[in-house]
Structures are given as structure tokens and as C-alpha cells.
Amino acid sequence: METKEWTVRISISEDDEDYRTVAEAVLTTPSGKRHASTAFARRNPGDRPVPEIGDELAAGRVLADLADKLIGDAAGDIAQLTGPARAR
């Protein structure tokens, strides 16, 4: 069985007051295909700052966006291989 490795790099940053967390992710496949996504998490000003929660939310959201892009790629590839949909 062949094993393939895809690389996802996630960078996470918070603003100085820890109100907003930004996650940026880049997925690169061995063939050179690349997807980039950005996602955010915002803390309610009334909540106490817990940076790990913002990191988890932003990272989870950016990975979900990458997953949507990959599923879209697969759907497009399937459509190309199977040809146009036929009316029944």
C-alpha cells in the first residue's frame, strides 16, 4: 500500500487584547496543489481571556474550510470523469 503525505501548516495569532484570533492554514499536496484558508475567533469582551480557546476555535474553523475546499475539488474531479449529468 502506498502512503502519501500532505502537509498542512497553521499559523495562529491574537491581537494585543486577545479579543480576536486569526488562523491561517495552507495545505500542500505532493503534486503541488495548494489551498489557503483564513478563519477567525472572537472573544466576548465580558468573558475572561483564555487564548487556548480562541486558538482551538480558529484552528478548527480554518481546517473545516480546507475540508470544504477538498470536498469541492473531489466533486469537480468526479464531474469531469463522469461527464455532464443526464436528465431522467
C-alpha atoms as a PDB file:
ATOM      1  CA  MET A   1       0.000   0.000   0.000  1.00  0.00           C
ATOM      2  CA  GLU A   2       1.314   3.439  -0.926  1.00  0.00           C
ATOM      3  CA  THR A   3       1.458   6.076   1.787  1.00  0.00           C
ATOM      4  CA  LYS A   4       1.103   9.731   0.845  1.00  0.00           C
ATOM      5  CA  GLU A   5       1.843  12.722   2.979  1.00  0.00           C
ATOM      6  CA  TRP A   6       0.055  16.035   2.688  1.00  0.00           C
ATOM      7  CA  THR A   7       1.261  18.998   4.654  1.00  0.00           C
ATOM      8  CA  VAL A   8      -0.963  21.491   6.474  1.00  0.00           C
ATOM      9  CA  ARG A   9       0.685  24.486   8.097  1.00  0.00           C
ATOM     10  CA  ILE A  10      -1.426  26.532  10.521  1.00  0.00           C
ATOM     11  CA  SER A  11      -0.324  29.923  11.828  1.00  0.00           C
ATOM     12  CA  ILE A  12      -2.281  31.415  14.727  1.00  0.00           C
ATOM     13  CA  SER A  13      -2.078  34.976  16.012  1.00  0.00           C
ATOM     14  CA  GLU A  14      -4.024  37.038  18.530  1.00  0.00           C
ATOM     15  CA  ASP A  15      -4.471  40.776  18.803  1.00  0.00           C
ATOM     16  CA  ASP A  16      -2.898  42.564  21.786  1.00  0.00           C
ATOM     17  CA  GLU A  17      -6.101  42.492  23.856  1.00  0.00           C
ATOM     18  CA  ASP A  18      -6.830  38.842  22.977  1.00  0.00           C
ATOM     19  CA  TYR A  19     -10.242  39.745  21.506  1.00  0.00           C
ATOM     20  CA  ARG A  20      -9.603  38.274  18.079  1.00  0.00           C
ATOM     21  CA  THR A  21      -7.673  35.202  16.987  1.00  0.00           C
ATOM     22  CA  VAL A  22      -6.723  34.627  13.355  1.00  0.00           C
ATOM     23  CA  ALA A  23      -5.766  31.224  11.953  1.00  0.00           C
ATOM     24  CA  GLU A  24      -4.246  30.889   8.518  1.00  0.00           C
ATOM     25  CA  ALA A  25      -3.749  27.445   7.006  1.00  0.00           C
ATOM     26  CA  VAL A  26      -2.043  26.252   3.859  1.00  0.00           C
ATOM     27  CA  LEU A  27      -2.445  22.716   2.553  1.00  0.00           C
ATOM     28  CA  THR A  28       0.099  21.453   0.038  1.00  0.00           C
ATOM     29  CA  THR A  29      -0.094  18.092  -1.734  1.00  0.00           C
ATOM     30  CA  PRO A  30       2.894  16.234  -3.205  1.00  0.00           C
ATOM     31  CA  SER A  31       1.647  17.153  -6.694  1.00  0.00           C
ATOM     32  CA  GLY A  32       1.902  20.835  -5.780  1.00  0.00           C
ATOM     33  CA  LYS A  33      -1.804  21.551  -5.364  1.00  0.00           C
ATOM     34  CA  ARG A  34      -2.248  24.260  -2.752  1.00  0.00           C
ATOM     35  CA  HIS A  35      -5.210  25.582  -0.789  1.00  0.00           C
ATOM     36  CA  ALA A  36      -5.107  28.502   1.640  1.00  0.00           C
ATOM     37  CA  SER A  37      -7.762  29.483   4.163  1.00  0.00           C
ATOM     38  CA  THR A  38      -8.241  32.066   6.888  1.00  0.00           C
ATOM     39  CA  ALA A  39     -10.605  31.849   9.863  1.00  0.00           C
ATOM     40  CA  PHE A  40     -11.326  33.905  12.969  1.00  0.00           C
ATOM     41  CA  ALA A  41     -12.471  33.550  16.561  1.00  0.00           C
ATOM     42  CA  ARG A  42     -13.659  36.480  18.643  1.00  0.00           C
ATOM     43  CA  ARG A  43     -13.899  36.666  22.411  1.00  0.00           C
ATOM     44  CA  ASN A  44     -16.887  38.295  24.007  1.00  0.00           C
ATOM     45  CA  PRO A  45     -15.482  41.347  25.865  1.00  0.00           C
ATOM     46  CA  GLY A  46     -17.305  40.195  29.021  1.00  0.00           C
ATOM     47  CA  ASP A  47     -15.520  36.822  29.070  1.00  0.00           C
ATOM     48  CA  ARG A  48     -12.144  36.346  30.664  1.00  0.00           C
ATOM     49  CA  PRO A  49      -9.269  35.792  28.226  1.00  0.00           C
ATOM     50  CA  VAL A  50      -8.330  32.148  27.624  1.00  0.00           C
ATOM     51  CA  PRO A  51      -6.132  32.224  24.497  1.00  0.00           C
ATOM     52  CA  GLU A  52      -6.239  28.448  24.005  1.00  0.00           C
ATOM     53  CA  ILE A  53      -9.994  28.580  23.358  1.00  0.00           C
ATOM     54  CA  GLY A  54      -9.569  31.155  20.594  1.00  0.00           C
ATOM     55  CA  ASP A  55      -6.732  29.077  19.127  1.00  0.00           C
ATOM     56  CA  GLU A  56      -8.882  25.945  19.098  1.00  0.00           C
ATOM     57  CA  LEU A  57     -11.889  27.685  17.557  1.00  0.00           C
ATOM     58  CA  ALA A  58      -9.911  29.481  14.856  1.00  0.00           C
ATOM     59  CA  ALA A  59      -7.867  26.367  14.002  1.00  0.00           C
ATOM     60  CA  GLY A  60     -10.988  24.191  13.855  1.00  0.00           C
ATOM     61  CA  ARG A  61     -12.724  26.694  11.589  1.00  0.00           C
ATOM     62  CA  VAL A  62      -9.761  27.003   9.234  1.00  0.00           C
ATOM     63  CA  LEU A  63      -9.476  23.209   8.972  1.00  0.00           C
ATOM     64  CA  ALA A  64     -13.211  22.934   8.263  1.00  0.00           C
ATOM     65  CA  ASP A  65     -12.803  25.451   5.438  1.00  0.00           C
ATOM     66  CA  LEU A  66      -9.923  23.422   3.988  1.00  0.00           C
ATOM     67  CA  ALA A  67     -12.077  20.286   4.219  1.00  0.00           C
ATOM     68  CA  ASP A  68     -14.848  22.028   2.262  1.00  0.00           C
ATOM     69  CA  LYS A  69     -12.351  23.017  -0.435  1.00  0.00           C
ATOM     70  CA  LEU A  70     -11.039  19.455  -0.736  1.00  0.00           C
ATOM     71  CA  ILE A  71     -14.551  18.032  -0.986  1.00  0.00           C
ATOM     72  CA  GLY A  72     -15.278  20.605  -3.696  1.00  0.00           C
ATOM     73  CA  ASP A  73     -12.155  19.503  -5.576  1.00  0.00           C
ATOM     74  CA  ALA A  74     -13.248  15.876  -5.389  1.00  0.00           C
ATOM     75  CA  ALA A  75     -16.764  16.731  -6.610  1.00  0.00           C
ATOM     76  CA  GLY A  76     -15.304  18.668  -9.542  1.00  0.00           C
ATOM     77  CA  ASP A  77     -12.960  15.807 -10.420  1.00  0.00           C
ATOM     78  CA  ILE A  78     -15.833  13.305 -10.293  1.00  0.00           C
ATOM     79  CA  ALA A  79     -17.951  15.534 -12.540  1.00  0.00           C
ATOM     80  CA  GLN A  80     -15.130  15.754 -15.089  1.00  0.00           C
ATOM     81  CA  LEU A  81     -14.683  11.983 -15.117  1.00  0.00           C
ATOM     82  CA  THR A  82     -18.365  11.122 -15.376  1.00  0.00           C
ATOM     83  CA  GLY A  83     -19.366  13.801 -17.866  1.00  0.00           C
ATOM     84  CA  PRO A  84     -22.433  16.028 -17.799  1.00  0.00           C
ATOM     85  CA  ALA A  85     -25.424  14.939 -15.735  1.00  0.00           C
ATOM     86  CA  ARG A  86     -28.227  13.364 -17.766  1.00  0.00           C
ATOM     87  CA  ALA A  87     -31.900  14.213 -17.318  1.00  0.00           C
ATOM     88  CA  ARG A  88     -34.036  11.228 -16.368  1.00  0.00           C
END
